[in-house]
Protein backbone atom coordinates (compact mmCIF):
# COMPACT_ATOMS: atom_id res chain seq x y z
CA UNK A 1 0.00 0.00 0.00
CA UNK A 2 1.21 3.49 -0.81
CA UNK A 3 -0.06 6.41 1.26
CA UNK A 4 0.82 9.89 0.08
CA UNK A 5 -0.47 13.26 1.15
CA UNK A 6 0.54 16.88 0.87
CA UNK A 7 -0.14 19.85 3.08
CA UNK A 8 0.28 23.53 2.37
CA UNK A 9 0.56 25.89 5.29
CA UNK A 10 -0.23 29.58 4.89
CA UNK A 11 2.17 32.23 6.12
CA UNK A 12 -0.18 33.06 9.02
CA UNK A 13 0.24 29.52 10.44
CA UNK A 14 3.95 28.87 9.91
CA UNK A 15 5.84 27.29 12.73
CA UNK A 16 9.47 26.21 12.79
CA UNK A 17 9.04 22.42 12.92
CA UNK A 18 7.22 19.40 11.50
CA UNK A 19 6.91 16.07 13.28
CA UNK A 20 5.78 12.62 12.17
CA UNK A 21 5.35 9.50 14.31
CA UNK A 22 5.60 6.01 12.77
CA UNK A 23 2.59 4.06 14.01
CA UNK A 24 2.38 1.35 11.35
CA UNK A 25 5.11 -0.84 9.82
CA UNK A 26 6.64 1.37 7.13
CA UNK A 27 9.09 0.63 4.34
CA UNK A 28 9.97 4.22 3.51
CA UNK A 29 9.20 7.64 4.93
CA UNK A 30 9.92 10.74 2.87
CA UNK A 31 9.41 14.37 3.85
CA UNK A 32 9.82 17.33 1.51
CA UNK A 33 9.85 20.90 2.77
CA UNK A 34 9.76 23.79 0.29
CA UNK A 35 10.47 27.39 1.25
CA UNK A 36 11.04 30.64 -0.61
CA UNK A 37 14.79 30.95 -1.34
CA UNK A 38 14.69 34.59 -0.26
CA UNK A 39 14.25 33.44 3.37
CA UNK A 40 17.59 31.56 3.19
CA UNK A 41 16.21 28.56 5.15
CA UNK A 42 18.26 25.83 6.85
CA UNK A 43 16.78 22.49 7.96
CA UNK A 44 17.91 19.82 10.44
CA UNK A 45 16.16 17.04 12.31
CA UNK A 46 16.05 14.62 15.22
CA UNK A 47 14.77 11.12 15.88
CA UNK A 48 13.28 9.94 19.16
CA UNK A 49 11.78 6.64 20.27
CA UNK A 50 9.91 5.35 23.27
CA UNK A 51 13.21 4.31 24.86
CA UNK A 52 15.72 6.90 23.65
CA UNK A 53 16.19 10.64 23.80
CA UNK A 54 16.41 12.79 20.68
CA UNK A 55 19.40 12.18 18.44
CA UNK A 56 20.30 13.83 15.12
CA UNK A 57 18.85 12.19 12.03
CA UNK A 58 21.10 9.43 10.67
CA UNK A 59 20.97 11.05 7.25
CA UNK A 60 20.57 14.82 6.94
CA UNK A 61 17.94 16.44 4.72
CA UNK A 62 19.21 17.05 1.17
CA UNK A 63 18.90 20.58 -0.16
CA UNK A 64 18.09 21.54 -3.75
CA UNK A 65 17.56 25.02 -5.15
CA UNK A 66 15.13 25.80 -7.95
CA UNK A 67 15.06 29.51 -8.67
CA UNK A 68 12.82 31.11 -6.07
CA UNK A 69 12.27 27.87 -4.14
CA UNK A 70 14.57 25.89 -1.84
CA UNK A 71 13.55 22.30 -1.21
CA UNK A 72 14.77 19.95 1.50
CA UNK A 73 14.11 16.23 1.11
CA UNK A 74 14.64 13.68 3.86
CA UNK A 75 14.14 9.93 3.36
CA UNK A 76 14.52 6.98 5.70
CA UNK A 77 13.89 3.32 4.96
CA UNK A 78 12.33 0.84 7.38
CA UNK A 79 11.90 3.34 10.23
CA UNK A 80 11.41 1.80 13.66
CA UNK A 81 7.86 1.39 14.87
CA UNK A 82 6.92 4.22 17.28
CA UNK A 83 9.89 6.34 16.20
CA UNK A 84 9.25 10.05 16.00
CA UNK A 85 10.98 12.21 13.41
CA UNK A 86 11.11 15.97 13.81
CA UNK A 87 12.37 18.39 11.18
CA UNK A 88 13.09 21.96 12.23
CA UNK A 89 14.05 25.02 10.27
CA UNK A 90 15.32 28.52 10.66
CA UNK A 91 15.27 31.45 8.26
CA UNK A 92 18.57 33.30 8.06
CA UNK A 93 17.25 36.23 6.00
C-alpha atoms as a PDB file:
ATOM      1  CA  UNK A   1       0.000   0.000   0.000  1.00  0.00           C
ATOM      2  CA  UNK A   2       1.211   3.489  -0.808  1.00  0.00           C
ATOM      3  CA  UNK A   3      -0.055   6.414   1.258  1.00  0.00           C
ATOM      4  CA  UNK A   4       0.824   9.888   0.076  1.00  0.00           C
ATOM      5  CA  UNK A   5      -0.470  13.257   1.152  1.00  0.00           C
ATOM      6  CA  UNK A   6       0.535  16.883   0.871  1.00  0.00           C
ATOM      7  CA  UNK A   7      -0.141  19.847   3.080  1.00  0.00           C
ATOM      8  CA  UNK A   8       0.276  23.531   2.373  1.00  0.00           C
ATOM      9  CA  UNK A   9       0.561  25.893   5.292  1.00  0.00           C
ATOM     10  CA  UNK A  10      -0.232  29.582   4.888  1.00  0.00           C
ATOM     11  CA  UNK A  11       2.169  32.229   6.121  1.00  0.00           C
ATOM     12  CA  UNK A  12      -0.179  33.061   9.022  1.00  0.00           C
ATOM     13  CA  UNK A  13       0.242  29.523  10.440  1.00  0.00           C
ATOM     14  CA  UNK A  14       3.951  28.866   9.909  1.00  0.00           C
ATOM     15  CA  UNK A  15       5.844  27.293  12.732  1.00  0.00           C
ATOM     16  CA  UNK A  16       9.467  26.210  12.786  1.00  0.00           C
ATOM     17  CA  UNK A  17       9.042  22.422  12.923  1.00  0.00           C
ATOM     18  CA  UNK A  18       7.219  19.404  11.496  1.00  0.00           C
ATOM     19  CA  UNK A  19       6.909  16.071  13.282  1.00  0.00           C
ATOM     20  CA  UNK A  20       5.780  12.623  12.170  1.00  0.00           C
ATOM     21  CA  UNK A  21       5.350   9.497  14.308  1.00  0.00           C
ATOM     22  CA  UNK A  22       5.603   6.010  12.766  1.00  0.00           C
ATOM     23  CA  UNK A  23       2.585   4.062  14.007  1.00  0.00           C
ATOM     24  CA  UNK A  24       2.384   1.349  11.355  1.00  0.00           C
ATOM     25  CA  UNK A  25       5.107  -0.840   9.817  1.00  0.00           C
ATOM     26  CA  UNK A  26       6.635   1.371   7.127  1.00  0.00           C
ATOM     27  CA  UNK A  27       9.091   0.627   4.336  1.00  0.00           C
ATOM     28  CA  UNK A  28       9.971   4.222   3.511  1.00  0.00           C
ATOM     29  CA  UNK A  29       9.204   7.644   4.935  1.00  0.00           C
ATOM     30  CA  UNK A  30       9.916  10.744   2.865  1.00  0.00           C
ATOM     31  CA  UNK A  31       9.405  14.372   3.852  1.00  0.00           C
ATOM     32  CA  UNK A  32       9.824  17.326   1.510  1.00  0.00           C
ATOM     33  CA  UNK A  33       9.851  20.897   2.767  1.00  0.00           C
ATOM     34  CA  UNK A  34       9.757  23.789   0.286  1.00  0.00           C
ATOM     35  CA  UNK A  35      10.473  27.388   1.254  1.00  0.00           C
ATOM     36  CA  UNK A  36      11.044  30.644  -0.608  1.00  0.00           C
ATOM     37  CA  UNK A  37      14.790  30.954  -1.342  1.00  0.00           C
ATOM     38  CA  UNK A  38      14.694  34.595  -0.256  1.00  0.00           C
ATOM     39  CA  UNK A  39      14.249  33.441   3.370  1.00  0.00           C
ATOM     40  CA  UNK A  40      17.590  31.563   3.192  1.00  0.00           C
ATOM     41  CA  UNK A  41      16.215  28.557   5.146  1.00  0.00           C
ATOM     42  CA  UNK A  42      18.263  25.834   6.854  1.00  0.00           C
ATOM     43  CA  UNK A  43      16.781  22.488   7.960  1.00  0.00           C
ATOM     44  CA  UNK A  44      17.910  19.822  10.445  1.00  0.00           C
ATOM     45  CA  UNK A  45      16.164  17.039  12.311  1.00  0.00           C
ATOM     46  CA  UNK A  46      16.046  14.624  15.218  1.00  0.00           C
ATOM     47  CA  UNK A  47      14.765  11.120  15.885  1.00  0.00           C
ATOM     48  CA  UNK A  48      13.275   9.936  19.164  1.00  0.00           C
ATOM     49  CA  UNK A  49      11.784   6.638  20.268  1.00  0.00           C
ATOM     50  CA  UNK A  50       9.906   5.351  23.270  1.00  0.00           C
ATOM     51  CA  UNK A  51      13.207   4.305  24.859  1.00  0.00           C
ATOM     52  CA  UNK A  52      15.715   6.900  23.652  1.00  0.00           C
ATOM     53  CA  UNK A  53      16.189  10.640  23.800  1.00  0.00           C
ATOM     54  CA  UNK A  54      16.410  12.788  20.682  1.00  0.00           C
ATOM     55  CA  UNK A  55      19.400  12.183  18.437  1.00  0.00           C
ATOM     56  CA  UNK A  56      20.301  13.834  15.122  1.00  0.00           C
ATOM     57  CA  UNK A  57      18.850  12.192  12.031  1.00  0.00           C
ATOM     58  CA  UNK A  58      21.100   9.435  10.673  1.00  0.00           C
ATOM     59  CA  UNK A  59      20.973  11.046   7.247  1.00  0.00           C
ATOM     60  CA  UNK A  60      20.567  14.821   6.940  1.00  0.00           C
ATOM     61  CA  UNK A  61      17.942  16.443   4.716  1.00  0.00           C
ATOM     62  CA  UNK A  62      19.210  17.049   1.171  1.00  0.00           C
ATOM     63  CA  UNK A  63      18.903  20.583  -0.163  1.00  0.00           C
ATOM     64  CA  UNK A  64      18.092  21.536  -3.745  1.00  0.00           C
ATOM     65  CA  UNK A  65      17.555  25.025  -5.147  1.00  0.00           C
ATOM     66  CA  UNK A  66      15.133  25.796  -7.947  1.00  0.00           C
ATOM     67  CA  UNK A  67      15.064  29.509  -8.667  1.00  0.00           C
ATOM     68  CA  UNK A  68      12.816  31.113  -6.067  1.00  0.00           C
ATOM     69  CA  UNK A  69      12.269  27.866  -4.137  1.00  0.00           C
ATOM     70  CA  UNK A  70      14.570  25.894  -1.839  1.00  0.00           C
ATOM     71  CA  UNK A  71      13.548  22.303  -1.214  1.00  0.00           C
ATOM     72  CA  UNK A  72      14.770  19.953   1.498  1.00  0.00           C
ATOM     73  CA  UNK A  73      14.113  16.231   1.108  1.00  0.00           C
ATOM     74  CA  UNK A  74      14.640  13.684   3.860  1.00  0.00           C
ATOM     75  CA  UNK A  75      14.144   9.929   3.355  1.00  0.00           C
ATOM     76  CA  UNK A  76      14.524   6.984   5.698  1.00  0.00           C
ATOM     77  CA  UNK A  77      13.888   3.322   4.962  1.00  0.00           C
ATOM     78  CA  UNK A  78      12.328   0.838   7.384  1.00  0.00           C
ATOM     79  CA  UNK A  79      11.896   3.337  10.233  1.00  0.00           C
ATOM     80  CA  UNK A  80      11.407   1.803  13.659  1.00  0.00           C
ATOM     81  CA  UNK A  81       7.856   1.392  14.866  1.00  0.00           C
ATOM     82  CA  UNK A  82       6.922   4.218  17.285  1.00  0.00           C
ATOM     83  CA  UNK A  83       9.892   6.336  16.202  1.00  0.00           C
ATOM     84  CA  UNK A  84       9.246  10.054  15.998  1.00  0.00           C
ATOM     85  CA  UNK A  85      10.982  12.211  13.408  1.00  0.00           C
ATOM     86  CA  UNK A  86      11.108  15.970  13.805  1.00  0.00           C
ATOM     87  CA  UNK A  87      12.368  18.386  11.181  1.00  0.00           C
ATOM     88  CA  UNK A  88      13.092  21.956  12.232  1.00  0.00           C
ATOM     89  CA  UNK A  89      14.050  25.017  10.273  1.00  0.00           C
ATOM     90  CA  UNK A  90      15.319  28.518  10.655  1.00  0.00           C
ATOM     91  CA  UNK A  91      15.266  31.447   8.260  1.00  0.00           C
ATOM     92  CA  UNK A  92      18.569  33.296   8.057  1.00  0.00           C
ATOM     93  CA  UNK A  93      17.245  36.233   5.999  1.00  0.00           C
END
